[in-house]
Amino acid sequence: MLNRKGQTLVEYVLIISLVTVVAIAAVRIFGGYLKDSITKMSCSMVGKEYVESNTIGKAYCKGDEDKLFE
């Protein structure tokens, strides 16, 4: 009985590890696109013009050039 509980615990840890790796990979792949879409929404909310960039994840609101992080 004790052996089966340990096996179940190991299975849960493996599943959680797999989900974590997939989530990190998804954020790394789609993170720039997500950042650009959030920036686009925030620009429209504050009434500023959205400026696209050639690089994914580097778009900004017009007038906020001095606040960019490099």
PDB file of N, CA and C in Angstrom:
ATOM      1  N   MET A   1       0.825  -1.191   0.000  1.00  0.00           N
ATOM      2  CA  MET A   1       0.000   0.000   0.000  1.00  0.00           C
ATOM      3  C   MET A   1       0.873   1.260   0.000  1.00  0.00           C
ATOM      4  N   LEU A   2       1.917   1.287   0.785  1.00  0.00           N
ATOM      5  CA  LEU A   2       2.794   2.447   0.869  1.00  0.00           C
ATOM      6  C   LEU A   2       3.524   2.667  -0.444  1.00  0.00           C
ATOM      7  N   ASN A   3       3.884   1.592  -1.111  1.00  0.00           N
ATOM      8  CA  ASN A   3       4.604   1.683  -2.373  1.00  0.00           C
ATOM      9  C   ASN A   3       3.760   2.357  -3.456  1.00  0.00           C
ATOM     10  N   ARG A   4       2.464   2.091  -3.489  1.00  0.00           N
ATOM     11  CA  ARG A   4       1.591   2.670  -4.507  1.00  0.00           C
ATOM     12  C   ARG A   4       1.420   4.169  -4.290  1.00  0.00           C
ATOM     13  N   LYS A   5       1.403   4.619  -3.052  1.00  0.00           N
ATOM     14  CA  LYS A   5       1.282   6.051  -2.778  1.00  0.00           C
ATOM     15  C   LYS A   5       2.511   6.793  -3.286  1.00  0.00           C
ATOM     16  N   GLY A   6       3.664   6.204  -3.103  1.00  0.00           N
ATOM     17  CA  GLY A   6       4.887   6.817  -3.604  1.00  0.00           C
ATOM     18  C   GLY A   6       4.918   6.874  -5.118  1.00  0.00           C
ATOM     19  N   GLN A   7       4.404   5.834  -5.749  1.00  0.00           N
ATOM     20  CA  GLN A   7       4.344   5.804  -7.206  1.00  0.00           C
ATOM     21  C   GLN A   7       3.401   6.897  -7.709  1.00  0.00           C
ATOM     22  N   THR A   8       2.266   7.074  -7.079  1.00  0.00           N
ATOM     23  CA  THR A   8       1.312   8.115  -7.473  1.00  0.00           C
ATOM     24  C   THR A   8       1.931   9.502  -7.305  1.00  0.00           C
ATOM     25  N   LEU A   9       2.662   9.703  -6.233  1.00  0.00           N
ATOM     26  CA  LEU A   9       3.313  10.980  -6.001  1.00  0.00           C
ATOM     27  C   LEU A   9       4.322  11.283  -7.106  1.00  0.00           C
ATOM     28  N   VAL A  10       5.091  10.297  -7.495  1.00  0.00           N
ATOM     29  CA  VAL A  10       6.071  10.481  -8.569  1.00  0.00           C
ATOM     30  C   VAL A  10       5.366  10.804  -9.883  1.00  0.00           C
ATOM     31  N   GLU A  11       4.245  10.155 -10.155  1.00  0.00           N
ATOM     32  CA  GLU A  11       3.489  10.441 -11.378  1.00  0.00           C
ATOM     33  C   GLU A  11       2.983  11.876 -11.381  1.00  0.00           C
ATOM     34  N   TYR A  12       2.468  12.337 -10.248  1.00  0.00           N
ATOM     35  CA  TYR A  12       1.996  13.722 -10.161  1.00  0.00           C
ATOM     36  C   TYR A  12       3.135  14.715 -10.359  1.00  0.00           C
ATOM     37  N   VAL A  13       4.274  14.435  -9.797  1.00  0.00           N
ATOM     38  CA  VAL A  13       5.434  15.315  -9.967  1.00  0.00           C
ATOM     39  C   VAL A  13       5.856  15.358 -11.428  1.00  0.00           C
ATOM     40  N   LEU A  14       5.844  14.222 -12.110  1.00  0.00           N
ATOM     41  CA  LEU A  14       6.201  14.191 -13.538  1.00  0.00           C
ATOM     42  C   LEU A  14       5.199  14.966 -14.382  1.00  0.00           C
ATOM     43  N   ILE A  15       3.914  14.850 -14.069  1.00  0.00           N
ATOM     44  CA  ILE A  15       2.887  15.592 -14.812  1.00  0.00           C
ATOM     45  C   ILE A  15       3.047  17.091 -14.584  1.00  0.00           C
ATOM     46  N   ILE A  16       3.250  17.495 -13.343  1.00  0.00           N
ATOM     47  CA  ILE A  16       3.434  18.916 -13.035  1.00  0.00           C
ATOM     48  C   ILE A  16       4.692  19.448 -13.714  1.00  0.00           C
ATOM     49  N   SER A  17       5.748  18.662 -13.745  1.00  0.00           N
ATOM     50  CA  SER A  17       6.984  19.077 -14.423  1.00  0.00           C
ATOM     51  C   SER A  17       6.758  19.265 -15.908  1.00  0.00           C
ATOM     52  N   LEU A  18       6.029  18.350 -16.530  1.00  0.00           N
ATOM     53  CA  LEU A  18       5.742  18.452 -17.960  1.00  0.00           C
ATOM     54  C   LEU A  18       4.905  19.691 -18.265  1.00  0.00           C
ATOM     55  N   VAL A  19       3.877  19.939 -17.452  1.00  0.00           N
ATOM     56  CA  VAL A  19       3.035  21.123 -17.649  1.00  0.00           C
ATOM     57  C   VAL A  19       3.858  22.395 -17.489  1.00  0.00           C
ATOM     58  N   THR A  20       4.760  22.411 -16.536  1.00  0.00           N
ATOM     59  CA  THR A  20       5.613  23.576 -16.307  1.00  0.00           C
ATOM     60  C   THR A  20       6.526  23.830 -17.499  1.00  0.00           C
ATOM     61  N   VAL A  21       7.132  22.782 -18.022  1.00  0.00           N
ATOM     62  CA  VAL A  21       8.024  22.936 -19.178  1.00  0.00           C
ATOM     63  C   VAL A  21       7.239  23.438 -20.391  1.00  0.00           C
ATOM     64  N   VAL A  22       6.051  22.911 -20.614  1.00  0.00           N
ATOM     65  CA  VAL A  22       5.225  23.363 -21.741  1.00  0.00           C
ATOM     66  C   VAL A  22       4.809  24.822 -21.554  1.00  0.00           C
ATOM     67  N   ALA A  23       4.447  25.216 -20.346  1.00  0.00           N
ATOM     68  CA  ALA A  23       4.043  26.604 -20.085  1.00  0.00           C
ATOM     69  C   ALA A  23       5.210  27.565 -20.307  1.00  0.00           C
ATOM     70  N   ILE A  24       6.390  27.200 -19.845  1.00  0.00           N
ATOM     71  CA  ILE A  24       7.564  28.061 -20.047  1.00  0.00           C
ATOM     72  C   ILE A  24       7.892  28.173 -21.536  1.00  0.00           C
ATOM     73  N   ALA A  25       7.804  27.081 -22.250  1.00  0.00           N
ATOM     74  CA  ALA A  25       8.073  27.112 -23.696  1.00  0.00           C
ATOM     75  C   ALA A  25       7.057  27.992 -24.420  1.00  0.00           C
ATOM     76  N   ALA A  26       5.786  27.900 -24.031  1.00  0.00           N
ATOM     77  CA  ALA A  26       4.754  28.719 -24.669  1.00  0.00           C
ATOM     78  C   ALA A  26       4.990  30.200 -24.415  1.00  0.00           C
ATOM     79  N   VAL A  27       5.379  30.557 -23.208  1.00  0.00           N
ATOM     80  CA  VAL A  27       5.643  31.965 -22.893  1.00  0.00           C
ATOM     81  C   VAL A  27       6.858  32.461 -23.672  1.00  0.00           C
ATOM     82  N   ARG A  28       7.879  31.632 -23.794  1.00  0.00           N
ATOM     83  CA  ARG A  28       9.071  32.047 -24.544  1.00  0.00           C
ATOM     84  C   ARG A  28       8.754  32.229 -26.027  1.00  0.00           C
ATOM     85  N   ILE A  29       7.899  31.376 -26.573  1.00  0.00           N
ATOM     86  CA  ILE A  29       7.565  31.450 -27.999  1.00  0.00           C
ATOM     87  C   ILE A  29       6.604  32.600 -28.282  1.00  0.00           C
ATOM     88  N   PHE A  30       5.540  32.710 -27.481  1.00  0.00           N
ATOM     89  CA  PHE A  30       4.480  33.678 -27.751  1.00  0.00           C
ATOM     90  C   PHE A  30       4.556  34.923 -26.890  1.00  0.00           C
ATOM     91  N   GLY A  31       5.574  35.063 -26.066  1.00  0.00           N
ATOM     92  CA  GLY A  31       5.677  36.193 -25.151  1.00  0.00           C
ATOM     93  C   GLY A  31       5.749  37.544 -25.840  1.00  0.00           C
ATOM     94  N   GLY A  32       6.513  37.629 -26.926  1.00  0.00           N
ATOM     95  CA  GLY A  32       6.635  38.890 -27.661  1.00  0.00           C
ATOM     96  C   GLY A  32       5.321  39.317 -28.285  1.00  0.00           C
ATOM     97  N   TYR A  33       4.594  38.343 -28.840  1.00  0.00           N
ATOM     98  CA  TYR A  33       3.298  38.642 -29.434  1.00  0.00           C
ATOM     99  C   TYR A  33       2.312  39.113 -28.366  1.00  0.00           C
ATOM    100  N   LEU A  34       2.362  38.471 -27.215  1.00  0.00           N
ATOM    101  CA  LEU A  34       1.489  38.860 -26.112  1.00  0.00           C
ATOM    102  C   LEU A  34       1.833  40.263 -25.620  1.00  0.00           C
ATOM    103  N   LYS A  35       3.112  40.555 -25.509  1.00  0.00           N
ATOM    104  CA  LYS A  35       3.545  41.887 -25.073  1.00  0.00           C
ATOM    105  C   LYS A  35       3.077  42.956 -26.055  1.00  0.00           C
ATOM    106  N   ASP A  36       3.201  42.679 -27.363  1.00  0.00           N
ATOM    107  CA  ASP A  36       2.757  43.644 -28.373  1.00  0.00           C
ATOM    108  C   ASP A  36       1.243  43.872 -28.320  1.00  0.00           C
ATOM    109  N   SER A  37       0.470  42.810 -28.117  1.00  0.00           N
ATOM    110  CA  SER A  37      -0.980  42.992 -28.071  1.00  0.00           C
ATOM    111  C   SER A  37      -1.404  43.762 -26.822  1.00  0.00           C
ATOM    112  N   ILE A  38      -0.733  43.532 -25.699  1.00  0.00           N
ATOM    113  CA  ILE A  38      -1.040  44.290 -24.484  1.00  0.00           C
ATOM    114  C   ILE A  38      -0.649  45.753 -24.662  1.00  0.00           C
ATOM    115  N   THR A  39       0.491  45.999 -25.300  1.00  0.00           N
ATOM    116  CA  THR A  39       0.915  47.374 -25.568  1.00  0.00           C
ATOM    117  C   THR A  39      -0.082  48.075 -26.480  1.00  0.00           C
ATOM    118  N   LYS A  40      -0.572  47.371 -27.498  1.00  0.00           N
ATOM    119  CA  LYS A  40      -1.542  47.962 -28.423  1.00  0.00           C
ATOM    120  C   LYS A  40      -2.831  48.335 -27.696  1.00  0.00           C
ATOM    121  N   MET A  41      -3.300  47.462 -26.805  1.00  0.00           N
ATOM    122  CA  MET A  41      -4.519  47.771 -26.044  1.00  0.00           C
ATOM    123  C   MET A  41      -4.291  48.948 -25.098  1.00  0.00           C
ATOM    124  N   SER A  42      -3.137  48.977 -24.438  1.00  0.00           N
ATOM    125  CA  SER A  42      -2.890  50.060 -23.487  1.00  0.00           C
ATOM    126  C   SER A  42      -2.732  51.397 -24.202  1.00  0.00           C
ATOM    127  N   CYS A  43      -2.142  51.398 -25.403  1.00  0.00           N
ATOM    128  CA  CYS A  43      -2.028  52.650 -26.171  1.00  0.00           C
ATOM    129  C   CYS A  43      -3.404  53.205 -26.504  1.00  0.00           C
ATOM    130  N   SER A  44      -4.303  52.312 -26.917  1.00  0.00           N
ATOM    131  CA  SER A  44      -5.644  52.789 -27.259  1.00  0.00           C
ATOM    132  C   SER A  44      -6.400  53.258 -26.013  1.00  0.00           C
ATOM    133  N   MET A  45      -6.108  52.656 -24.872  1.00  0.00           N
ATOM    134  CA  MET A  45      -6.797  53.064 -23.635  1.00  0.00           C
ATOM    135  C   MET A  45      -6.358  54.445 -23.169  1.00  0.00           C
ATOM    136  N   VAL A  46      -5.090  54.799 -23.362  1.00  0.00           N
ATOM    137  CA  VAL A  46      -4.606  56.095 -22.908  1.00  0.00           C
ATOM    138  C   VAL A  46      -4.637  57.140 -24.017  1.00  0.00           C
ATOM    139  N   GLY A  47      -5.105  56.744 -25.211  1.00  0.00           N
ATOM    140  CA  GLY A  47      -5.261  57.698 -26.305  1.00  0.00           C
ATOM    141  C   GLY A  47      -3.979  58.020 -27.040  1.00  0.00           C
ATOM    142  N   LYS A  48      -3.024  57.111 -27.037  1.00  0.00           N
ATOM    143  CA  LYS A  48      -1.773  57.328 -27.750  1.00  0.00           C
ATOM    144  C   LYS A  48      -1.728  56.459 -28.994  1.00  0.00           C
ATOM    145  N   GLU A  49      -0.855  56.826 -29.896  1.00  0.00           N
ATOM    146  CA  GLU A  49      -0.701  56.077 -31.144  1.00  0.00           C
ATOM    147  C   GLU A  49       0.247  54.902 -30.927  1.00  0.00           C
ATOM    148  N   TYR A  50      -0.153  53.754 -31.438  1.00  0.00           N
ATOM    149  CA  TYR A  50       0.640  52.530 -31.333  1.00  0.00           C
ATOM    150  C   TYR A  50       1.690  52.528 -32.441  1.00  0.00           C
ATOM    151  N   VAL A  51       2.947  52.311 -32.075  1.00  0.00           N
ATOM    152  CA  VAL A  51       4.049  52.285 -33.046  1.00  0.00           C
ATOM    153  C   VAL A  51       4.594  50.856 -33.103  1.00  0.00           C
ATOM    154  N   GLU A  52       4.436  50.225 -34.278  1.00  0.00           N
ATOM    155  CA  GLU A  52       4.947  48.862 -34.449  1.00  0.00           C
ATOM    156  C   GLU A  52       6.454  48.883 -34.627  1.00  0.00           C
ATOM    157  N   SER A  53       7.067  47.766 -34.318  1.00  0.00           N
ATOM    158  CA  SER A  53       8.503  47.618 -34.476  1.00  0.00           C
ATOM    159  C   SER A  53       8.776  46.452 -35.406  1.00  0.00           C
ATOM    160  N   ASN A  54       9.958  46.433 -35.991  1.00  0.00           N
ATOM    161  CA  ASN A  54      10.344  45.304 -36.829  1.00  0.00           C
ATOM    162  C   ASN A  54      10.643  44.068 -36.000  1.00  0.00           C
ATOM    163  N   THR A  55      10.956  44.268 -34.731  1.00  0.00           N
ATOM    164  CA  THR A  55      11.265  43.176 -33.815  1.00  0.00           C
ATOM    165  C   THR A  55      10.042  42.878 -32.959  1.00  0.00           C
ATOM    166  N   ILE A  56       9.723  41.611 -32.820  1.00  0.00           N
ATOM    167  CA  ILE A  56       8.574  41.209 -32.016  1.00  0.00           C
ATOM    168  C   ILE A  56       8.842  41.528 -30.549  1.00  0.00           C
ATOM    169  N   GLY A  57       7.865  42.171 -29.911  1.00  0.00           N
ATOM    170  CA  GLY A  57       7.976  42.506 -28.503  1.00  0.00           C
ATOM    171  C   GLY A  57       8.588  43.865 -28.239  1.00  0.00           C
ATOM    172  N   LYS A  58       8.871  44.641 -29.282  1.00  0.00           N
ATOM    173  CA  LYS A  58       9.530  45.941 -29.100  1.00  0.00           C
ATOM    174  C   LYS A  58       8.634  47.118 -29.498  1.00  0.00           C
ATOM    175  N   ALA A  59       7.334  46.889 -29.683  1.00  0.00           N
ATOM    176  CA  ALA A  59       6.428  47.980 -30.031  1.00  0.00           C
ATOM    177  C   ALA A  59       6.225  48.884 -28.818  1.00  0.00           C
ATOM    178  N   TYR A  60       5.752  50.113 -29.075  1.00  0.00           N
ATOM    179  CA  TYR A  60       5.571  51.071 -27.989  1.00  0.00           C
ATOM    180  C   TYR A  60       4.515  52.094 -28.367  1.00  0.00           C
ATOM    181  N   CYS A  61       4.119  52.901 -27.408  1.00  0.00           N
ATOM    182  CA  CYS A  61       3.182  53.994 -27.642  1.00  0.00           C
ATOM    183  C   CYS A  61       3.980  55.242 -28.021  1.00  0.00           C
ATOM    184  N   LYS A  62       3.464  55.994 -28.987  1.00  0.00           N
ATOM    185  CA  LYS A  62       4.152  57.206 -29.411  1.00  0.00           C
ATOM    186  C   LYS A  62       4.203  58.189 -28.244  1.00  0.00           C
ATOM    187  N   GLY A  63       5.390  58.717 -27.997  1.00  0.00           N
ATOM    188  CA  GLY A  63       5.601  59.615 -26.878  1.00  0.00           C
ATOM    189  C   GLY A  63       6.268  58.930 -25.704  1.00  0.00           C
ATOM    190  N   ASP A  64       6.364  57.616 -25.754  1.00  0.00           N
ATOM    191  CA  ASP A  64       6.984  56.864 -24.665  1.00  0.00           C
ATOM    192  C   ASP A  64       8.354  56.319 -25.046  1.00  0.00           C
ATOM    193  N   GLU A  65       8.998  56.930 -26.022  1.00  0.00           N
ATOM    194  CA  GLU A  65      10.302  56.446 -26.483  1.00  0.00           C
ATOM    195  C   GLU A  65      11.347  56.494 -25.384  1.00  0.00           C
ATOM    196  N   ASP A  66      11.232  57.474 -24.482  1.00  0.00           N
ATOM    197  CA  ASP A  66      12.217  57.612 -23.412  1.00  0.00           C
ATOM    198  C   ASP A  66      12.021  56.572 -22.302  1.00  0.00           C
ATOM    199  N   LYS A  67      10.915  55.834 -22.341  1.00  0.00           N
ATOM    200  CA  LYS A  67      10.634  54.843 -21.300  1.00  0.00           C
ATOM    201  C   LYS A  67      10.923  53.412 -21.748  1.00  0.00           C
ATOM    202  N   LEU A  68      11.515  53.247 -22.920  1.00  0.00           N
ATOM    203  CA  LEU A  68      11.809  51.915 -23.433  1.00  0.00           C
ATOM    204  C   LEU A  68      12.959  51.285 -22.689  1.00  0.00           C
ATOM    205  N   PHE A  69      12.841  49.993 -22.450  1.00  0.00           N
ATOM    206  CA  PHE A  69      13.908  49.223 -21.826  1.00  0.00           C
ATOM    207  C   PHE A  69      14.676  48.490 -22.911  1.00  0.00           C
ATOM    208  N   GLU A  70      15.957  48.519 -22.851  1.00  0.00           N
ATOM    209  CA  GLU A  70      16.794  47.822 -23.850  1.00  0.00           C
ATOM    210  C   GLU A  70      17.482  46.668 -23.221  1.00  0.00           C
TER     211      GLU A  70
END
